[in-house]
C-alpha atoms as a PDB file:
ATOM      1  CA  MET A   1      90.704  43.516 106.736  1.00  0.00           C
ATOM      2  CA  GLY A   2      92.696  46.637 107.112  1.00  0.00           C
ATOM      3  CA  VAL A   3      92.291  49.693 104.942  1.00  0.00           C
ATOM      4  CA  THR A   4      94.857  48.329 102.463  1.00  0.00           C
ATOM      5  CA  GLY A   5      93.297  44.864 102.404  1.00  0.00           C
ATOM      6  CA  ILE A   6      96.371  43.205 103.908  1.00  0.00           C
ATOM      7  CA  ARG A   7      95.792  41.446 107.196  1.00  0.00           C
ATOM      8  CA  GLY A   8      98.522  41.326 109.826  1.00  0.00           C
ATOM      9  CA  ARG A   9      98.483  40.405 113.490  1.00  0.00           C
ATOM     10  CA  LYS A  10      95.393  41.307 115.419  1.00  0.00           C
ATOM     11  CA  SER A  11      95.551  44.473 117.468  1.00  0.00           C
ATOM     12  CA  LYS A  12      94.913  44.403 121.197  1.00  0.00           C
ATOM     13  CA  VAL A  13      91.510  45.981 120.524  1.00  0.00           C
ATOM     14  CA  GLU A  14      90.597  43.190 118.083  1.00  0.00           C
ATOM     15  CA  GLN A  15      91.808  40.559 120.542  1.00  0.00           C
ATOM     16  CA  PHE A  16      89.745  42.136 123.325  1.00  0.00           C
ATOM     17  CA  LEU A  17      86.618  42.361 121.171  1.00  0.00           C
ATOM     18  CA  GLU A  18      86.881  38.755 120.079  1.00  0.00           C
ATOM     19  CA  ALA A  19      87.499  37.529 123.635  1.00  0.00           C
ATOM     20  CA  GLN A  20      84.981  39.675 125.509  1.00  0.00           C
ATOM     21  CA  VAL A  21      82.310  40.794 123.058  1.00  0.00           C
ATOM     22  CA  LYS A  22      81.972  38.355 120.183  1.00  0.00           C
ATOM     23  CA  ARG A  23      81.116  35.439 122.485  1.00  0.00           C
ATOM     24  CA  PHE A  24      77.825  37.195 123.323  1.00  0.00           C
ATOM     25  CA  GLY A  25      76.822  37.223 119.661  1.00  0.00           C
ATOM     26  CA  ILE A  26      77.536  40.904 119.177  1.00  0.00           C
ATOM     27  CA  ARG A  27      78.619  41.702 115.640  1.00  0.00           C
ATOM     28  CA  ILE A  28      81.956  43.465 115.356  1.00  0.00           C
ATOM     29  CA  ARG A  29      82.470  45.737 112.363  1.00  0.00           C
ATOM     30  CA  GLY A  30      85.498  47.519 111.035  1.00  0.00           C
ATOM     31  CA  PRO A  31      88.187  48.550 110.930  1.00  0.00           C
ATOM     32  CA  TYR A  32      87.045  51.865 109.542  1.00  0.00           C
ATOM     33  CA  GLY A  33      89.095  53.904 107.121  1.00  0.00           C
ATOM     34  CA  ASN A  34      87.491  57.155 108.224  1.00  0.00           C
ATOM     35  CA  VAL A  35      85.188  58.548 110.862  1.00  0.00           C
ATOM     36  CA  GLU A  36      82.383  59.285 108.402  1.00  0.00           C
ATOM     37  CA  SER A  37      81.904  55.603 107.539  1.00  0.00           C
ATOM     38  CA  LEU A  38      81.840  54.799 111.256  1.00  0.00           C
ATOM     39  CA  TYR A  39      79.176  57.477 111.807  1.00  0.00           C
ATOM     40  CA  ASP A  40      77.133  56.108 108.898  1.00  0.00           C
ATOM     41  CA  ASP A  41      77.137  52.589 110.363  1.00  0.00           C
ATOM     42  CA  ILE A  42      76.265  53.897 113.837  1.00  0.00           C
ATOM     43  CA  LEU A  43      73.280  55.811 112.447  1.00  0.00           C
ATOM     44  CA  LYS A  44      72.117  52.782 110.451  1.00  0.00           C
ATOM     45  CA  ASP A  45      72.385  50.563 113.531  1.00  0.00           C
ATOM     46  CA  LEU A  46      70.497  53.083 115.668  1.00  0.00           C
ATOM     47  CA  ALA A  47      67.730  53.356 113.072  1.00  0.00           C
ATOM     48  CA  TYR A  48      67.413  49.575 112.953  1.00  0.00           C
ATOM     49  CA  GLU A  49      67.286  49.251 116.745  1.00  0.00           C
ATOM     50  CA  MET A  50      64.710  52.045 117.011  1.00  0.00           C
ATOM     51  CA  SER A  51      62.462  50.378 114.443  1.00  0.00           C
ATOM     52  CA  GLU A  52      62.736  47.064 116.314  1.00  0.00           C
ATOM     53  CA  LEU A  53      61.808  48.792 119.581  1.00  0.00           C
ATOM     54  CA  ALA A  54      58.833  50.467 117.897  1.00  0.00           C
ATOM     55  CA  ARG A  55      57.640  47.110 116.503  1.00  0.00           C
ATOM     56  CA  GLU A  56      57.935  45.550 119.940  1.00  0.00           C
ATOM     57  CA  ALA A  57      56.007  48.409 121.554  1.00  0.00           C
ATOM     58  CA  VAL A  58      53.211  48.090 118.987  1.00  0.00           C
ATOM     59  CA  SER A  59      53.021  44.357 119.616  1.00  0.00           C
ATOM     60  CA  VAL A  60      52.752  44.840 123.372  1.00  0.00           C
ATOM     61  CA  ARG A  61      50.113  47.559 122.964  1.00  0.00           C
ATOM     62  CA  ARG A  62      48.040  45.252 120.746  1.00  0.00           C
ATOM     63  CA  ILE A  63      48.156  42.488 123.351  1.00  0.00           C
ATOM     64  CA  ILE A  64      47.123  44.896 126.108  1.00  0.00           C
ATOM     65  CA  HIS A  65      44.366  46.409 123.965  1.00  0.00           C
ATOM     66  CA  ARG A  66      42.910  42.976 123.102  1.00  0.00           C
ATOM     67  CA  ARG A  67      42.771  42.051 126.779  1.00  0.00           C
ATOM     68  CA  LEU A  68      40.979  45.288 127.689  1.00  0.00           C
ATOM     69  CA  ILE A  69      38.162  44.780 125.186  1.00  0.00           C
ATOM     70  CA  PRO A  70      35.298  42.869 126.886  1.00  0.00           C
END
């Protein structure tokens, strides 16, 4: 939905994202009414991805550690 809540034709950017990005399962957000809300979502997404990477690293370290113990 647009900022006003009325939906018109899709922009070329929306068409591109749906054709080239969405098919890979990547979530598309927006449109954004202001830059601050975009920044907020970017920071939230980065925090989520960082926590997932940390969980994965801990899991791998546990597996390695278990194999090193005689």
